[in-house]
Amino acid sequence: MRPIRYAILLACWFVAPAFAQSASSVAPPPVPANVPLLAPVVVSGVVTGPGLWKVSKDGHVLWVLGTLSPLPGHMQWESHEVQQVLAQSQQVLLEPKIKLKADIGFFGKLFLLPAAYGARKNPDGKTLDQVLDAPTYARWLALKKEYIGDDRGIERWRPLFAAQELYKKALQAHGLSGNGGVPNTVEALAKRDGVAETPVEFRVEIKQPRAALKAFKAAAPSGLECFNRTLDSIEHDLPAMTARANAWATGDLQALRQLPDSHRRDACVNAITRAGFARQLGFDDVPAQLEATWLAAARKALAEHASSFALLPMDELLSPRGYLAKLEAQGYAVEAPTGLDDAPAAASSVSPVSAASTAVQ
């Protein structure tokens, strides 16, 4: 599968982290005047993170931890609540992901590798200064100099891929990371306690990888809106992203709800799912498919186990249209952690540790 990593798989990087966010072309909402932004200093050291959501029905419970990206890069996450709940659980639902299947063999990979590298480049050998307008390219050059340096090769990349590389480097420079190591820690705890881990995956089978790569190159997204939103995020949203990362680390869910999130991911997801190749490969309905996959896995876990644990993006827990809201509409009780008032998908709060002892039969 490696040869298409820099084309189709790298494109899907944008889809997976924002799999359930609705597509939007509106600008991010302004920060409320009464919500001060934290100073752009990233929390470090040992942190506990947020509390857990509780979903229950017929005496069975599913505990859910909200994940966030980015998170502080130098934090050490240690949640005694999560450790206790995991130790009493029978199943862990891992974060929903896209799973591509393309079994083409070793020699097939070798033949496709050069083409895959070419797929991330602009067609006809064009450089970014030829596909971007002058003001946008000037912004790119300034940010590239600050976070990437003198890299001539990236000048030939499609805006979509160049934006992602710039964003990754900017996060690193500001002490932020993709997920703070939270999923890896949960998996390690599950293995330690002998708790079964269940991947939650929407699988897309690529039966003809060469044809798929050709389709990508012919109808790949330019990602201009994604590119512009990425520049906006790096220029203006880093203090808010840092504040959100700190709020997650310190468990301040009220601040996390009030601080605006960048719509960069929405724009980048749209660039992928609305491209011509996405319809051919079945990527155009990824958010709906992932939602259906996760909800089915959650219902199954609640039916079969006294106690289960799951990871979900924080937006899905805070949104009145998120996954937990969907479960609540289907008759499941949903309770938010202590300290989160008027939760959209929860009517009350509980302490996950104190409730865990009575939830496990």
Protein backbone atom coordinates (compact mmCIF):
# COMPACT_ATOMS: atom_id res chain seq x y z
CA MET A 1 0.00 0.00 0.00
CA ARG A 2 3.01 2.28 0.38
CA PRO A 3 3.09 3.51 -3.23
CA ILE A 4 -0.18 5.35 -3.00
CA ARG A 5 0.58 6.79 0.41
CA TYR A 6 1.62 10.17 -0.93
CA ALA A 7 -1.47 10.45 -3.06
CA ILE A 8 -4.69 8.77 -1.96
CA LEU A 9 -3.63 7.85 1.57
CA LEU A 10 -2.11 11.21 2.38
CA ALA A 11 -5.23 12.86 1.05
CA CYS A 12 -7.26 10.78 3.48
CA TRP A 13 -5.21 12.19 6.34
CA PHE A 14 -7.40 15.25 6.06
CA VAL A 15 -10.59 13.19 6.14
CA ALA A 16 -9.98 10.97 9.15
CA PRO A 17 -9.32 13.56 11.89
CA ALA A 18 -12.42 15.52 10.92
CA PHE A 19 -14.53 12.56 9.86
CA ALA A 20 -17.74 13.71 11.52
CA GLN A 21 -17.50 17.44 11.19
CA SER A 22 -20.06 18.91 8.88
CA ALA A 23 -18.74 20.61 5.78
CA SER A 24 -18.81 24.35 6.11
CA SER A 25 -17.72 27.30 4.05
CA VAL A 26 -18.45 29.94 6.65
CA ALA A 27 -15.71 31.68 8.55
CA PRO A 28 -14.91 30.50 12.08
CA PRO A 29 -16.99 32.24 14.76
CA PRO A 30 -15.27 35.01 16.70
CA VAL A 31 -14.05 34.35 20.21
CA PRO A 32 -16.67 35.55 22.73
CA ALA A 33 -15.59 38.77 24.38
CA ASN A 34 -15.92 37.28 27.87
CA VAL A 35 -13.69 34.28 27.11
CA PRO A 36 -10.03 35.27 27.46
CA LEU A 37 -7.55 33.38 25.32
CA LEU A 38 -4.83 31.63 27.26
CA ALA A 39 -1.35 32.87 26.65
CA PRO A 40 0.33 30.96 23.82
CA VAL A 41 2.35 28.88 26.28
CA VAL A 42 1.70 25.16 25.99
CA VAL A 43 0.93 23.11 29.08
CA SER A 44 3.62 20.55 29.86
CA GLY A 45 4.27 17.89 32.49
CA VAL A 46 1.71 15.51 33.97
CA VAL A 47 -1.91 16.34 33.08
CA THR A 48 -5.19 14.54 33.76
CA GLY A 49 -7.19 15.61 30.72
CA PRO A 50 -10.99 15.83 30.65
CA GLY A 51 -13.54 13.65 32.41
CA LEU A 52 -15.50 10.88 30.73
CA TRP A 53 -18.95 10.83 29.19
CA LYS A 54 -21.26 8.00 30.23
CA VAL A 55 -23.66 6.27 27.85
CA SER A 56 -25.90 3.68 29.45
CA LYS A 57 -28.86 1.40 28.84
CA ASP A 58 -30.27 -1.67 30.62
CA GLY A 59 -27.52 -1.62 33.24
CA HIS A 60 -24.69 -1.53 30.70
CA VAL A 61 -22.38 1.44 30.26
CA LEU A 62 -20.02 2.85 27.64
CA TRP A 63 -17.46 5.36 28.91
CA VAL A 64 -16.22 7.81 26.26
CA LEU A 65 -13.07 9.94 26.28
CA GLY A 66 -13.00 12.94 24.00
CA THR A 67 -9.82 13.37 21.97
CA LEU A 68 -8.50 16.56 20.46
CA SER A 69 -6.02 17.67 17.84
CA PRO A 70 -3.67 19.37 18.36
CA LEU A 71 -2.61 18.72 21.95
CA PRO A 72 0.44 19.81 23.94
CA GLY A 73 3.46 17.99 22.61
CA HIS A 74 5.32 17.72 25.93
CA MET A 75 2.51 16.67 28.22
CA GLN A 76 2.35 13.38 30.10
CA TRP A 77 -1.25 12.25 30.24
CA GLU A 78 -2.17 10.29 33.35
CA SER A 79 -5.89 9.88 34.07
CA HIS A 80 -6.73 7.73 37.08
CA GLU A 81 -10.37 7.81 35.98
CA VAL A 82 -9.49 6.28 32.64
CA GLN A 83 -7.22 3.69 34.26
CA GLN A 84 -9.95 2.60 36.68
CA VAL A 85 -12.68 2.46 34.07
CA LEU A 86 -10.48 0.57 31.60
CA ALA A 87 -9.55 -1.99 34.23
CA GLN A 88 -13.25 -2.76 34.73
CA SER A 89 -14.17 -2.80 31.04
CA GLN A 90 -14.49 -5.70 28.65
CA GLN A 91 -13.97 -3.85 25.38
CA VAL A 92 -12.28 -0.73 23.97
CA LEU A 93 -13.58 0.90 20.81
CA LEU A 94 -10.65 2.60 19.10
CA GLU A 95 -10.99 5.89 17.26
CA PRO A 96 -12.96 5.65 14.00
CA LYS A 97 -10.69 5.52 10.97
CA ILE A 98 -10.68 5.00 7.24
CA LYS A 99 -9.14 1.70 6.22
CA LEU A 100 -7.94 1.27 2.66
CA LYS A 101 -7.33 -2.18 1.26
CA ALA A 102 -5.12 -2.48 -1.81
CA ASP A 103 -3.26 -5.78 -1.98
CA ILE A 104 -0.98 -5.36 -4.98
CA GLY A 105 2.10 -7.30 -3.88
CA PHE A 106 5.71 -6.25 -3.51
CA PHE A 107 6.51 -5.77 -7.18
CA GLY A 108 3.29 -3.88 -7.75
CA LYS A 109 4.38 -1.44 -5.07
CA LEU A 110 7.72 -0.91 -6.75
CA PHE A 111 6.07 -0.13 -10.07
CA LEU A 112 3.55 2.28 -8.55
CA LEU A 113 5.94 4.16 -6.29
CA PRO A 114 7.25 6.69 -8.87
CA ALA A 115 3.72 7.47 -10.02
CA ALA A 116 2.55 7.95 -6.45
CA TYR A 117 5.25 10.52 -5.76
CA GLY A 118 4.20 12.33 -8.90
CA ALA A 119 0.56 12.42 -7.83
CA ARG A 120 1.29 14.86 -5.03
CA LYS A 121 2.86 17.30 -7.49
CA ASN A 122 1.07 19.95 -9.50
CA PRO A 123 0.23 18.88 -13.06
CA ASP A 124 2.40 20.04 -15.94
CA GLY A 125 5.34 20.70 -13.62
CA LYS A 126 3.80 23.89 -12.26
CA THR A 127 5.08 25.45 -9.06
CA LEU A 128 3.06 27.10 -6.32
CA ASP A 129 3.81 30.60 -7.59
CA GLN A 130 2.10 29.56 -10.84
CA VAL A 131 -1.07 28.14 -9.27
CA LEU A 132 -1.55 30.68 -6.49
CA ASP A 133 -2.38 34.36 -6.78
CA ALA A 134 0.39 36.78 -5.83
CA PRO A 135 -0.91 37.83 -2.36
CA THR A 136 -1.51 34.21 -1.34
CA TYR A 137 1.90 33.13 -2.56
CA ALA A 138 3.52 35.96 -0.62
CA ARG A 139 1.81 34.74 2.56
CA TRP A 140 2.98 31.21 1.80
CA LEU A 141 6.59 32.32 1.33
CA ALA A 142 6.64 34.15 4.65
CA LEU A 143 5.24 31.19 6.57
CA LYS A 144 7.37 28.69 4.66
CA LYS A 145 10.51 30.64 5.56
CA GLU A 146 9.50 30.64 9.23
CA TYR A 147 8.46 27.00 9.62
CA ILE A 148 9.94 24.97 6.74
CA GLY A 149 12.95 26.86 5.50
CA ASP A 150 14.58 26.54 2.11
CA ASP A 151 12.81 23.55 0.56
CA ARG A 152 12.52 23.90 -3.20
CA GLY A 153 10.86 20.54 -3.70
CA ILE A 154 7.70 21.51 -1.85
CA GLU A 155 7.19 24.34 -4.33
CA ARG A 156 6.04 21.72 -6.85
CA TRP A 157 3.48 20.12 -4.54
CA ARG A 158 -0.23 20.57 -4.95
CA PRO A 159 -1.54 23.21 -2.51
CA LEU A 160 -3.40 20.53 -0.54
CA PHE A 161 -0.20 18.66 0.35
CA ALA A 162 1.92 21.77 0.81
CA ALA A 163 -0.66 23.10 3.27
CA GLN A 164 -0.53 19.94 5.35
CA GLU A 165 3.27 19.98 5.56
CA LEU A 166 3.27 23.63 6.60
CA TYR A 167 0.58 23.01 9.22
CA LYS A 168 2.50 20.07 10.71
CA LYS A 169 5.72 22.09 10.96
CA ALA A 170 3.91 25.06 12.53
CA LEU A 171 2.37 22.86 15.22
CA GLN A 172 5.75 21.39 16.05
CA ALA A 173 7.30 24.84 16.28
CA HIS A 174 4.65 25.90 18.82
CA GLY A 175 4.98 22.84 21.01
CA LEU A 176 1.85 21.09 19.76
CA SER A 177 1.38 17.56 18.48
CA GLY A 178 -1.28 15.64 16.59
CA ASN A 179 -2.84 13.70 19.47
CA GLY A 180 -0.53 13.99 22.47
CA GLY A 181 -0.02 10.23 22.51
CA VAL A 182 -3.47 9.71 24.04
CA PRO A 183 -4.64 6.86 21.73
CA ASN A 184 -1.34 5.03 22.22
CA THR A 185 -1.64 5.33 25.99
CA VAL A 186 -5.18 3.96 25.96
CA GLU A 187 -4.11 1.02 23.81
CA ALA A 188 -1.19 0.30 26.15
CA LEU A 189 -3.49 0.36 29.19
CA ALA A 190 -5.96 -1.94 27.44
CA LYS A 191 -3.22 -4.42 26.63
CA ARG A 192 -1.94 -4.28 30.20
CA ASP A 193 -5.39 -5.06 31.60
CA GLY A 194 -6.21 -7.64 28.95
CA VAL A 195 -9.14 -5.63 27.56
CA ALA A 196 -10.14 -6.49 23.99
CA GLU A 197 -9.50 -3.69 21.50
CA THR A 198 -11.92 -3.26 18.62
CA PRO A 199 -10.95 -1.14 15.61
CA VAL A 200 -13.81 0.98 14.29
CA GLU A 201 -13.09 1.24 10.59
CA PHE A 202 -14.87 2.24 7.43
CA ARG A 203 -13.18 0.08 4.80
CA VAL A 204 -12.66 1.11 1.23
CA GLU A 205 -11.33 -1.58 -1.06
CA ILE A 206 -9.21 -0.39 -3.97
CA LYS A 207 -9.48 -3.22 -6.45
CA GLN A 208 -7.47 -1.50 -9.17
CA PRO A 209 -4.74 0.63 -7.53
CA ARG A 210 -3.27 1.78 -10.85
CA ALA A 211 -6.65 3.00 -12.04
CA ALA A 212 -7.24 4.66 -8.64
CA LEU A 213 -3.92 6.48 -8.85
CA LYS A 214 -4.70 7.58 -12.37
CA ALA A 215 -8.11 8.84 -11.24
CA PHE A 216 -6.48 10.80 -8.44
CA LYS A 217 -3.99 12.46 -10.76
CA ALA A 218 -6.70 13.29 -13.29
CA ALA A 219 -9.25 14.64 -10.81
CA ALA A 220 -7.21 15.44 -7.71
CA PRO A 221 -8.30 18.43 -5.66
CA SER A 222 -6.29 21.62 -5.93
CA GLY A 223 -7.19 22.40 -2.33
CA LEU A 224 -7.03 26.16 -2.72
CA GLU A 225 -9.62 26.80 -0.01
CA CYS A 226 -7.87 24.30 2.24
CA PHE A 227 -4.58 26.07 1.50
CA ASN A 228 -5.99 29.50 2.35
CA ARG A 229 -7.68 28.27 5.52
CA THR A 230 -4.40 26.67 6.59
CA LEU A 231 -2.55 29.95 6.15
CA ASP A 232 -5.31 31.70 8.14
CA SER A 233 -5.02 29.14 10.93
CA ILE A 234 -1.26 29.48 11.23
CA GLU A 235 -1.34 33.29 11.05
CA HIS A 236 -4.31 33.88 13.38
CA ASP A 237 -5.57 30.73 15.11
CA LEU A 238 -2.50 29.35 16.85
CA PRO A 239 -3.29 31.15 20.15
CA ALA A 240 -6.81 29.66 20.10
CA MET A 241 -5.47 26.22 19.17
CA THR A 242 -3.01 26.46 22.04
CA ALA A 243 -5.81 27.50 24.37
CA ARG A 244 -7.94 24.54 23.27
CA ALA A 245 -5.01 22.18 23.74
CA ASN A 246 -4.41 23.57 27.23
CA ALA A 247 -8.12 23.34 28.06
CA TRP A 248 -8.16 19.65 27.13
CA ALA A 249 -5.01 18.97 29.14
CA THR A 250 -6.39 20.67 32.25
CA GLY A 251 -9.90 19.26 31.84
CA ASP A 252 -11.54 22.66 31.36
CA LEU A 253 -14.47 21.56 29.20
CA GLN A 254 -16.32 24.85 29.53
CA ALA A 255 -13.40 26.73 28.02
CA LEU A 256 -13.00 24.05 25.38
CA ARG A 257 -16.63 24.46 24.33
CA GLN A 258 -16.43 28.25 24.19
CA LEU A 259 -13.14 28.55 22.35
CA PRO A 260 -13.71 28.46 18.58
CA ASP A 261 -12.15 25.76 16.45
CA SER A 262 -10.63 26.52 13.08
CA HIS A 263 -12.61 25.47 10.02
CA ARG A 264 -9.40 24.49 8.28
CA ARG A 265 -10.19 20.79 8.51
CA ASP A 266 -13.67 21.27 7.07
CA ALA A 267 -12.18 22.98 4.02
CA CYS A 268 -9.57 20.26 3.59
CA VAL A 269 -12.11 17.46 3.99
CA ASN A 270 -14.32 19.13 1.38
CA ALA A 271 -11.36 19.31 -0.97
CA ILE A 272 -11.06 15.53 -0.80
CA THR A 273 -14.66 14.36 -0.63
CA ARG A 274 -15.89 16.68 -3.39
CA ALA A 275 -13.12 15.80 -5.83
CA GLY A 276 -13.95 13.65 -8.84
CA PHE A 277 -11.76 10.73 -7.75
CA ALA A 278 -13.49 10.56 -4.36
CA ARG A 279 -16.78 9.47 -5.90
CA GLN A 280 -15.01 6.76 -7.89
CA LEU A 281 -13.34 5.35 -4.77
CA GLY A 282 -16.24 5.78 -2.38
CA PHE A 283 -14.77 8.64 -0.34
CA ASP A 284 -17.58 11.09 -0.96
CA ASP A 285 -19.74 9.74 1.88
CA VAL A 286 -17.00 9.04 4.43
CA PRO A 287 -18.52 11.09 7.31
CA ALA A 288 -21.89 9.32 7.06
CA GLN A 289 -20.27 5.91 6.68
CA LEU A 290 -17.99 6.43 9.67
CA GLU A 291 -20.88 7.64 11.77
CA ALA A 292 -22.97 4.59 10.94
CA THR A 293 -20.00 2.30 11.62
CA TRP A 294 -19.28 3.81 15.03
CA LEU A 295 -22.90 3.92 16.15
CA ALA A 296 -23.32 0.25 15.25
CA ALA A 297 -20.15 -0.65 17.19
CA ALA A 298 -21.29 1.36 20.22
CA ARG A 299 -24.74 -0.26 20.28
CA LYS A 300 -23.14 -3.70 20.00
CA ALA A 301 -20.73 -2.97 22.85
CA LEU A 302 -23.55 -1.72 25.06
CA ALA A 303 -25.64 -4.79 24.31
CA GLU A 304 -22.89 -7.33 24.93
CA HIS A 305 -20.78 -5.90 27.76
CA ALA A 306 -21.43 -4.53 31.23
CA SER A 307 -18.74 -1.91 30.74
CA SER A 308 -16.96 -0.66 27.62
CA PHE A 309 -14.69 2.25 26.74
CA ALA A 310 -14.40 4.35 23.58
CA LEU A 311 -12.39 7.19 22.05
CA LEU A 312 -14.15 9.89 20.03
CA PRO A 313 -13.18 13.38 18.83
CA MET A 314 -14.24 15.95 21.39
CA ASP A 315 -16.44 17.78 18.88
CA GLU A 316 -18.64 14.70 18.70
CA LEU A 317 -19.22 14.89 22.44
CA LEU A 318 -19.88 18.62 22.64
CA SER A 319 -22.01 18.94 19.50
CA PRO A 320 -25.83 18.77 19.75
CA ARG A 321 -25.67 16.80 16.48
CA GLY A 322 -22.75 14.56 17.45
CA TYR A 323 -22.54 10.82 17.87
CA LEU A 324 -23.63 10.83 21.49
CA ALA A 325 -26.60 13.01 20.64
CA LYS A 326 -27.58 10.39 18.07
CA LEU A 327 -27.39 7.65 20.71
CA GLU A 328 -29.44 9.76 23.11
CA ALA A 329 -32.10 10.18 20.42
CA GLN A 330 -32.17 6.38 20.09
CA GLY A 331 -33.06 5.92 23.77
CA TYR A 332 -29.66 5.73 25.47
CA ALA A 333 -28.94 7.80 28.56
CA VAL A 334 -26.02 10.20 28.06
CA GLU A 335 -24.35 11.97 30.96
CA ALA A 336 -21.57 14.54 30.74
CA PRO A 337 -18.59 14.78 33.07
CA THR A 338 -18.79 16.88 36.20
CA GLY A 339 -18.05 20.50 35.45
CA LEU A 340 -19.73 20.72 32.05
CA ASP A 341 -23.00 22.60 32.41
CA ASP A 342 -25.88 22.47 29.94
CA ALA A 343 -24.19 19.88 27.76
CA PRO A 344 -25.94 19.63 24.39
CA ALA A 345 -26.12 15.85 24.49
CA ALA A 346 -26.46 15.32 28.20
CA ALA A 347 -28.94 16.30 30.84
CA SER A 348 -26.82 15.70 33.93
CA SER A 349 -23.34 15.00 35.18
CA VAL A 350 -21.72 12.08 36.99
CA SER A 351 -18.31 11.16 38.27
CA PRO A 352 -17.02 8.33 36.07
CA VAL A 353 -14.92 6.80 38.83
CA SER A 354 -17.66 6.67 41.46
CA ALA A 355 -20.22 5.41 38.98
CA ALA A 356 -17.93 2.78 37.50
CA SER A 357 -18.17 0.57 40.57
CA THR A 358 -21.94 0.26 40.21
CA ALA A 359 -21.99 0.09 36.42
CA VAL A 360 -19.98 -3.13 36.16
CA GLN A 361 -22.08 -6.17 36.99
